[in-house]
Amino acid sequence: MKLVMFDMDGTLIDTEALIAEHMARTFAEAGLTPPTPVQARRVIGLSLPKAMATLLGSDDANLAEKLAEDYRGHYRASLVAAEGREGLFPGARAALDLLRSRTDMLLGIATGKGLSGVHRLTQLHGIAGHFVTLQTPDHNPSKPHPGMMLRAMAETGAQKADTVIIGDTTFDMEMGKAAGTRTIGITWGYHNPDELRGAGADLLVETYDDLPAAIDRVLEN
């Protein structure tokens, strides 16, 4: 059985503007210099405390955790107003439907987003039933640690050679490589193609139409 793991932000869901907006607000309200949209974009995919620490350029874990909690509060409070700002990328739904229909394949999620957010968004878009394993920082170390991939394989019984992570950041590629799995980088997300190649992407795809064939290609090698 093949196991196909998806990142969420930047891969399935387009949340860049919303995340950058709340990152800036969180830092400003704490009396800190707000990160620019470009800086916020660079940390999407990490767990919130790790993202905050990276933006701070500090190892102050208490401050990073406080900022992460403040950010969560802002994000939750904005959900009604954010309607329409957490959309699936073009072609994502059709690709997920096609992959789910295959009898030789299981789908999962490995994301820096919290589990409650994963449940909310998968239900919002009607794709909750597509995924048999959900891996988040609630019960794993942050990417690029391989824990999410290792736990997903343990839960499903999939072997490393039959498992692939699909993501838009170097964190996804590094996580997959550390776990011994295959990696596919997508070019519509938040890190550029050269960075994805440098982080070990086995293949890059430019549209969701190309993804099913790319999965077959990397898992046949």
Protein backbone atom coordinates (compact mmCIF):
# COMPACT_ATOMS: atom_id res chain seq x y z
CA MET A 1 0.00 0.00 0.00
CA LYS A 2 1.32 3.42 -0.95
CA LEU A 3 1.11 6.25 1.59
CA VAL A 4 0.83 9.78 0.20
CA MET A 5 1.29 12.51 2.81
CA PHE A 6 0.31 16.13 2.17
CA ASP A 7 1.44 19.33 3.80
CA MET A 8 -1.42 21.82 4.26
CA ASP A 9 -0.46 25.52 4.25
CA GLY A 10 1.04 26.37 0.88
CA THR A 11 0.35 22.92 -0.55
CA LEU A 12 -3.36 22.20 -0.14
CA ILE A 13 -4.60 25.46 1.40
CA ASP A 14 -3.68 29.04 0.41
CA THR A 15 -3.34 30.81 3.77
CA GLU A 16 -0.27 32.97 3.19
CA ALA A 17 -1.95 36.39 3.43
CA LEU A 18 -3.96 35.44 6.50
CA ILE A 19 -0.93 34.01 8.32
CA ALA A 20 1.27 37.02 7.50
CA GLU A 21 -1.44 39.40 8.70
CA HIS A 22 -1.80 37.68 12.07
CA MET A 23 1.96 37.28 12.53
CA ALA A 24 2.41 41.02 12.07
CA ARG A 25 -0.43 41.84 14.47
CA THR A 26 0.88 39.46 17.12
CA PHE A 27 4.37 40.98 17.09
CA ALA A 28 3.10 44.56 16.98
CA GLU A 29 0.81 44.04 19.98
CA ALA A 30 3.75 42.60 21.91
CA GLY A 31 5.80 45.73 21.21
CA LEU A 32 8.06 43.90 18.78
CA THR A 33 9.01 44.70 15.20
CA PRO A 34 6.43 42.95 13.02
CA PRO A 35 7.77 40.46 10.48
CA THR A 36 7.30 41.40 6.86
CA PRO A 37 5.08 39.21 4.66
CA VAL A 38 8.24 37.76 3.12
CA GLN A 39 9.64 36.88 6.55
CA ALA A 40 6.34 35.33 7.64
CA ARG A 41 6.20 33.30 4.43
CA ARG A 42 9.58 31.75 5.21
CA VAL A 43 8.41 30.12 8.46
CA ILE A 44 5.05 28.76 7.28
CA GLY A 45 5.13 25.02 7.84
CA LEU A 46 6.95 25.06 11.16
CA SER A 47 5.13 24.55 14.44
CA LEU A 48 3.99 27.91 15.83
CA PRO A 49 6.51 28.09 18.72
CA LYS A 50 9.35 27.23 16.36
CA ALA A 51 8.12 29.74 13.78
CA MET A 52 7.94 32.45 16.42
CA ALA A 53 11.42 31.65 17.72
CA THR A 54 12.78 31.80 14.17
CA LEU A 55 11.17 35.19 13.54
CA LEU A 56 12.42 36.44 16.91
CA GLY A 57 15.94 35.23 16.21
CA SER A 58 15.95 34.18 19.85
CA ASP A 59 15.97 31.03 21.96
CA ASP A 60 13.54 32.57 24.47
CA ALA A 61 11.12 29.64 24.55
CA ASN A 62 8.70 31.36 26.94
CA LEU A 63 8.33 34.39 24.69
CA ALA A 64 7.97 32.23 21.60
CA GLU A 65 5.21 30.20 23.27
CA LYS A 66 3.40 33.35 24.42
CA LEU A 67 3.50 34.78 20.90
CA ALA A 68 2.26 31.45 19.53
CA GLU A 69 -0.70 31.50 21.92
CA ASP A 70 -1.50 35.13 21.08
CA TYR A 71 -1.37 34.27 17.39
CA ARG A 72 -3.75 31.35 17.89
CA GLY A 73 -6.18 33.70 19.60
CA HIS A 74 -6.06 36.23 16.76
CA TYR A 75 -6.51 33.50 14.16
CA ARG A 76 -9.47 31.90 15.93
CA ALA A 77 -11.13 35.28 16.44
CA SER A 78 -10.83 36.08 12.72
CA LEU A 79 -12.38 32.89 11.35
CA VAL A 80 -15.74 34.42 10.48
CA ALA A 81 -14.15 37.40 8.77
CA ALA A 82 -11.61 35.07 7.13
CA GLU A 83 -14.28 33.25 5.15
CA GLY A 84 -12.98 32.66 1.65
CA ARG A 85 -9.34 33.31 2.65
CA GLU A 86 -8.45 29.68 3.33
CA GLY A 87 -9.22 28.19 -0.05
CA LEU A 88 -7.90 25.04 -1.66
CA PHE A 89 -5.36 25.64 -4.39
CA PRO A 90 -6.67 25.12 -7.96
CA GLY A 91 -6.88 21.44 -8.84
CA ALA A 92 -6.36 20.20 -5.29
CA ARG A 93 -9.85 18.78 -4.80
CA ALA A 94 -9.85 16.89 -8.11
CA ALA A 95 -6.41 15.42 -7.41
CA LEU A 96 -7.42 14.35 -3.90
CA ASP A 97 -10.60 12.73 -5.22
CA LEU A 98 -8.63 10.83 -7.85
CA LEU A 99 -5.97 9.63 -5.42
CA ARG A 100 -8.53 8.61 -2.83
CA SER A 101 -10.32 6.45 -5.39
CA ARG A 102 -7.24 4.29 -5.91
CA THR A 103 -7.24 0.99 -4.09
CA ASP A 104 -3.45 0.91 -3.75
CA MET A 105 -3.14 4.24 -1.95
CA LEU A 106 -3.73 5.85 1.45
CA LEU A 107 -3.65 9.59 2.04
CA GLY A 108 -2.50 11.52 5.08
CA ILE A 109 -1.56 14.98 6.32
CA ALA A 110 1.69 16.19 7.91
CA THR A 111 1.45 19.86 8.85
CA GLY A 112 2.67 22.55 11.19
CA LYS A 113 -0.97 23.51 11.77
CA GLY A 114 -2.62 22.36 14.99
CA LEU A 115 -4.96 19.38 14.96
CA SER A 116 -8.06 21.49 15.65
CA GLY A 117 -7.24 23.62 12.61
CA VAL A 118 -6.73 20.53 10.47
CA HIS A 119 -10.12 19.16 11.50
CA ARG A 120 -11.79 22.51 10.86
CA LEU A 121 -10.32 22.98 7.37
CA THR A 122 -10.76 19.42 6.16
CA GLN A 123 -14.39 19.55 7.26
CA LEU A 124 -14.84 23.00 5.72
CA HIS A 125 -13.68 21.72 2.34
CA GLY A 126 -15.39 18.34 2.59
CA ILE A 127 -12.15 16.36 2.47
CA ALA A 128 -11.94 15.00 6.02
CA GLY A 129 -12.78 11.49 4.79
CA HIS A 130 -9.89 11.49 2.35
CA PHE A 131 -7.20 11.14 5.02
CA VAL A 132 -6.47 8.12 7.19
CA THR A 133 -3.68 9.69 9.27
CA LEU A 134 -3.29 13.26 10.56
CA GLN A 135 0.11 14.30 11.88
CA THR A 136 0.52 17.66 13.61
CA PRO A 137 2.72 19.32 16.27
CA ASP A 138 0.10 18.32 18.85
CA HIS A 139 1.78 14.92 19.09
CA ASN A 140 5.01 15.26 17.07
CA PRO A 141 8.12 17.44 16.96
CA SER A 142 8.06 20.29 14.46
CA LYS A 143 9.27 19.79 10.92
CA PRO A 144 11.89 19.09 9.67
CA HIS A 145 12.12 16.40 12.37
CA PRO A 146 10.97 13.09 10.78
CA GLY A 147 8.52 12.26 13.58
CA MET A 148 5.36 13.04 11.62
CA MET A 149 6.35 10.75 8.77
CA LEU A 150 7.54 7.97 11.05
CA ARG A 151 4.31 8.05 13.07
CA ALA A 152 2.19 8.05 9.91
CA MET A 153 4.00 4.99 8.60
CA ALA A 154 3.64 3.24 11.93
CA GLU A 155 -0.09 3.97 12.01
CA THR A 156 -0.72 2.75 8.47
CA GLY A 157 1.86 -0.01 8.13
CA ALA A 158 3.37 1.65 5.05
CA GLN A 159 7.02 1.09 4.22
CA LYS A 160 9.51 3.91 3.59
CA ALA A 161 9.94 2.97 -0.06
CA ASP A 162 6.18 3.23 -0.55
CA THR A 163 5.74 6.60 1.19
CA VAL A 164 6.00 10.14 -0.18
CA ILE A 165 5.57 13.62 1.28
CA ILE A 166 4.17 16.37 -0.94
CA GLY A 167 5.00 19.87 0.22
CA ASP A 168 6.02 23.39 -0.68
CA THR A 169 8.88 24.06 1.77
CA THR A 170 12.38 22.88 2.49
CA PHE A 171 11.04 21.72 5.87
CA ASP A 172 8.84 19.16 4.07
CA MET A 173 11.67 17.90 1.88
CA GLU A 174 14.10 17.65 4.82
CA MET A 175 11.48 15.85 6.91
CA GLY A 176 10.90 13.29 4.18
CA LYS A 177 14.58 12.69 3.61
CA ALA A 178 15.22 12.31 7.34
CA ALA A 179 12.43 9.72 7.49
CA GLY A 180 13.82 7.83 4.49
CA THR A 181 10.79 8.46 2.29
CA ARG A 182 10.34 9.97 -1.17
CA THR A 183 9.68 13.69 -1.64
CA ILE A 184 7.75 15.79 -4.15
CA GLY A 185 8.04 19.57 -4.11
CA ILE A 186 5.25 21.73 -5.45
CA THR A 187 6.07 25.08 -7.06
CA TRP A 188 2.94 27.10 -6.18
CA GLY A 189 3.79 27.35 -2.49
CA TYR A 190 6.07 29.36 -0.21
CA HIS A 191 9.66 28.23 -0.99
CA ASN A 192 11.17 28.45 -4.45
CA PRO A 193 12.03 25.49 -6.72
CA ASP A 194 15.81 25.83 -6.29
CA GLU A 195 15.42 25.65 -2.52
CA LEU A 196 13.23 22.56 -2.81
CA ARG A 197 15.78 20.85 -5.06
CA GLY A 198 18.57 21.79 -2.66
CA ALA A 199 16.61 20.28 0.23
CA GLY A 200 16.33 16.96 -1.59
CA ALA A 201 13.11 17.00 -3.61
CA ASP A 202 12.98 13.89 -5.80
CA LEU A 203 10.61 15.63 -8.22
CA LEU A 204 8.95 19.02 -8.65
CA VAL A 205 5.45 19.52 -10.02
CA GLU A 206 3.94 22.75 -11.31
CA THR A 207 0.23 21.88 -11.19
CA TYR A 208 -2.05 19.42 -9.44
CA ASP A 209 -2.76 17.85 -12.83
CA ASP A 210 0.85 16.61 -12.84
CA LEU A 211 0.76 15.18 -9.32
CA PRO A 212 -0.74 11.67 -9.75
CA ALA A 213 1.83 10.71 -12.40
CA ALA A 214 4.62 12.20 -10.28
CA ILE A 215 3.57 10.09 -7.30
CA ASP A 216 3.63 6.93 -9.40
CA ARG A 217 7.03 7.89 -10.76
CA VAL A 218 8.77 8.45 -7.42
CA LEU A 219 7.19 5.40 -5.78
CA GLU A 220 8.15 3.10 -8.63
CA ASN A 221 11.86 3.94 -8.30
